[in-house]
Structures are given as C-alpha cells and as structure tokens.
C-alpha cells in the first residue's frame, strides 16, 4: 500500500473530527479547515490508489 493512501486516510479522519468539532462549538473557521483537510485527504488517498494500480500492473 502506498504511503499516500495511508496519509490521505489519516488526513480525511482528522478533517472529519475537525469539522465535527467546529460544528459542535460553532467555530466556522475550524469547520472549514476540517472540510479542506477531508478534501485534501481524499485526493491524496486517490493518488495513492493510482500509484498502487500502476505498481500492480507492472508486476
């Protein structure tokens, strides 16, 4: 498994937590940061998946 997939998943989880905490406390800035972290994590996870696909096809 590519490191990008692991890091992307962790960013996604961190973003979900940040977004939830922001909603719970009424902190719109933290909520927005959480949404951005989630999006970044999803993109990074997707890139890692593509890298994994290329590795599997070349083996």
N, C-alpha and C. Protein backbone atom coordinates (compact mmCIF):
# COMPACT_ATOMS: atom_id res chain seq x y z
N UNK A 1 0.84 -1.17 0.00
CA UNK A 1 0.00 0.00 0.00
C UNK A 1 0.89 1.24 0.00
N UNK A 2 0.52 2.18 -0.81
CA UNK A 2 1.30 3.41 -0.95
C UNK A 2 1.13 4.31 0.28
N UNK A 3 2.21 5.01 0.64
CA UNK A 3 2.16 5.93 1.79
C UNK A 3 1.12 7.02 1.61
N UNK A 4 0.88 7.44 0.36
CA UNK A 4 -0.12 8.47 0.12
C UNK A 4 -1.51 8.01 0.55
N UNK A 5 -1.78 6.74 0.40
CA UNK A 5 -3.09 6.22 0.82
C UNK A 5 -3.23 6.30 2.33
N UNK A 6 -2.19 5.94 3.03
CA UNK A 6 -2.22 5.97 4.50
C UNK A 6 -2.35 7.41 4.99
N UNK A 7 -1.50 8.29 4.48
CA UNK A 7 -1.54 9.69 4.90
C UNK A 7 -2.86 10.35 4.52
N UNK A 8 -3.36 10.02 3.34
CA UNK A 8 -4.63 10.58 2.89
C UNK A 8 -5.78 10.15 3.79
N UNK A 9 -5.78 8.89 4.18
CA UNK A 9 -6.82 8.40 5.08
C UNK A 9 -6.76 9.09 6.43
N UNK A 10 -5.55 9.30 6.92
CA UNK A 10 -5.39 9.98 8.21
C UNK A 10 -5.85 11.43 8.13
N UNK A 11 -5.54 12.11 7.03
CA UNK A 11 -5.99 13.50 6.86
C UNK A 11 -7.52 13.55 6.78
N UNK A 12 -8.09 12.57 6.11
CA UNK A 12 -9.54 12.52 5.98
C UNK A 12 -10.19 12.38 7.36
N UNK A 13 -9.68 11.47 8.17
CA UNK A 13 -10.21 11.27 9.52
C UNK A 13 -10.03 12.53 10.36
N UNK A 14 -8.85 13.12 10.28
CA UNK A 14 -8.57 14.35 11.02
C UNK A 14 -9.54 15.45 10.60
N UNK A 15 -9.80 15.53 9.31
CA UNK A 15 -10.72 16.54 8.80
C UNK A 15 -12.13 16.33 9.29
N UNK A 16 -12.57 15.07 9.34
CA UNK A 16 -13.91 14.77 9.86
C UNK A 16 -14.04 15.19 11.31
N UNK A 17 -13.01 14.90 12.09
CA UNK A 17 -13.03 15.26 13.50
C UNK A 17 -13.06 16.78 13.67
N UNK A 18 -12.22 17.47 12.90
CA UNK A 18 -12.14 18.92 12.98
C UNK A 18 -13.47 19.56 12.56
N UNK A 19 -14.05 19.03 11.50
CA UNK A 19 -15.32 19.55 11.02
C UNK A 19 -16.41 19.36 12.08
N UNK A 20 -16.46 18.16 12.65
CA UNK A 20 -17.46 17.88 13.69
C UNK A 20 -17.29 18.76 14.91
N UNK A 21 -16.06 18.95 15.33
CA UNK A 21 -15.78 19.81 16.48
C UNK A 21 -16.15 21.26 16.17
N UNK A 22 -15.85 21.69 14.96
CA UNK A 22 -16.21 23.04 14.55
C UNK A 22 -17.72 23.25 14.56
N UNK A 23 -18.47 22.26 14.07
CA UNK A 23 -19.92 22.35 14.08
C UNK A 23 -20.44 22.39 15.52
N UNK A 24 -19.89 21.52 16.37
CA UNK A 24 -20.36 21.41 17.75
C UNK A 24 -20.10 22.69 18.54
N UNK A 25 -19.00 23.35 18.25
CA UNK A 25 -18.64 24.55 19.01
C UNK A 25 -19.06 25.84 18.31
N UNK A 26 -19.58 25.72 17.09
CA UNK A 26 -19.98 26.90 16.35
C UNK A 26 -18.81 27.66 15.75
N UNK A 27 -17.67 26.98 15.63
CA UNK A 27 -16.46 27.60 15.08
C UNK A 27 -16.42 27.33 13.58
N UNK A 28 -16.88 28.30 12.80
CA UNK A 28 -16.98 28.10 11.35
C UNK A 28 -15.60 27.97 10.69
N UNK A 29 -14.59 28.63 11.26
CA UNK A 29 -13.24 28.52 10.70
C UNK A 29 -12.72 27.09 10.85
N UNK A 30 -12.90 26.50 12.02
CA UNK A 30 -12.44 25.12 12.24
C UNK A 30 -13.23 24.16 11.37
N UNK A 31 -14.51 24.41 11.21
CA UNK A 31 -15.34 23.57 10.36
C UNK A 31 -14.85 23.62 8.91
N UNK A 32 -14.53 24.81 8.44
CA UNK A 32 -14.00 24.97 7.08
C UNK A 32 -12.65 24.28 6.91
N UNK A 33 -11.79 24.42 7.91
CA UNK A 33 -10.49 23.75 7.86
C UNK A 33 -10.67 22.24 7.81
N UNK A 34 -11.63 21.73 8.55
CA UNK A 34 -11.92 20.30 8.54
C UNK A 34 -12.36 19.83 7.17
N UNK A 35 -13.21 20.61 6.54
CA UNK A 35 -13.67 20.26 5.19
C UNK A 35 -12.51 20.25 4.20
N UNK A 36 -11.62 21.21 4.34
CA UNK A 36 -10.45 21.27 3.46
C UNK A 36 -9.52 20.07 3.71
N UNK A 37 -9.32 19.73 4.98
CA UNK A 37 -8.49 18.56 5.31
C UNK A 37 -9.09 17.29 4.72
N UNK A 38 -10.42 17.16 4.82
CA UNK A 38 -11.09 15.98 4.25
C UNK A 38 -10.86 15.90 2.75
N UNK A 39 -11.04 17.02 2.06
CA UNK A 39 -10.86 17.03 0.61
C UNK A 39 -9.42 16.69 0.24
N UNK A 40 -8.48 17.28 0.96
CA UNK A 40 -7.06 17.01 0.70
C UNK A 40 -6.75 15.53 0.93
N UNK A 41 -7.30 14.98 1.99
CA UNK A 41 -7.08 13.57 2.29
C UNK A 41 -7.64 12.65 1.23
N UNK A 42 -8.83 12.98 0.73
CA UNK A 42 -9.44 12.16 -0.32
C UNK A 42 -8.60 12.19 -1.59
N UNK A 43 -8.10 13.36 -1.93
CA UNK A 43 -7.27 13.49 -3.13
C UNK A 43 -5.98 12.69 -2.97
N UNK A 44 -5.34 12.83 -1.82
CA UNK A 44 -4.09 12.12 -1.57
C UNK A 44 -4.32 10.61 -1.58
N UNK A 45 -5.43 10.17 -1.01
CA UNK A 45 -5.77 8.75 -1.00
C UNK A 45 -5.98 8.24 -2.42
N UNK A 46 -6.64 9.02 -3.24
CA UNK A 46 -6.87 8.65 -4.64
C UNK A 46 -5.56 8.53 -5.40
N UNK A 47 -4.66 9.48 -5.19
CA UNK A 47 -3.35 9.43 -5.83
C UNK A 47 -2.60 8.16 -5.42
N UNK A 48 -2.66 7.83 -4.14
CA UNK A 48 -2.03 6.60 -3.67
C UNK A 48 -2.62 5.36 -4.32
N UNK A 49 -3.94 5.37 -4.51
CA UNK A 49 -4.60 4.26 -5.17
C UNK A 49 -4.15 4.10 -6.61
N UNK A 50 -3.97 5.21 -7.29
CA UNK A 50 -3.49 5.18 -8.68
C UNK A 50 -2.07 4.62 -8.72
N UNK A 51 -1.23 5.07 -7.79
CA UNK A 51 0.14 4.55 -7.73
C UNK A 51 0.14 3.04 -7.49
N UNK A 52 -0.74 2.58 -6.59
CA UNK A 52 -0.85 1.14 -6.32
C UNK A 52 -1.26 0.39 -7.58
N UNK A 53 -2.20 0.95 -8.33
CA UNK A 53 -2.66 0.31 -9.57
C UNK A 53 -1.52 0.15 -10.57
N UNK A 54 -0.72 1.20 -10.71
CA UNK A 54 0.41 1.14 -11.63
C UNK A 54 1.42 0.09 -11.18
N UNK A 55 1.66 0.01 -9.90
CA UNK A 55 2.61 -1.00 -9.39
C UNK A 55 2.12 -2.41 -9.66
N UNK A 56 0.82 -2.64 -9.46
CA UNK A 56 0.26 -3.97 -9.66
C UNK A 56 0.30 -4.36 -11.14
N UNK A 57 0.07 -3.40 -12.01
CA UNK A 57 0.06 -3.68 -13.45
C UNK A 57 1.48 -3.91 -13.98
N UNK A 58 2.49 -3.36 -13.31
CA UNK A 58 3.87 -3.53 -13.74
C UNK A 58 4.53 -4.77 -13.16
N UNK A 59 3.88 -5.39 -12.20
CA UNK A 59 4.46 -6.60 -11.59
C UNK A 59 4.10 -7.85 -12.32
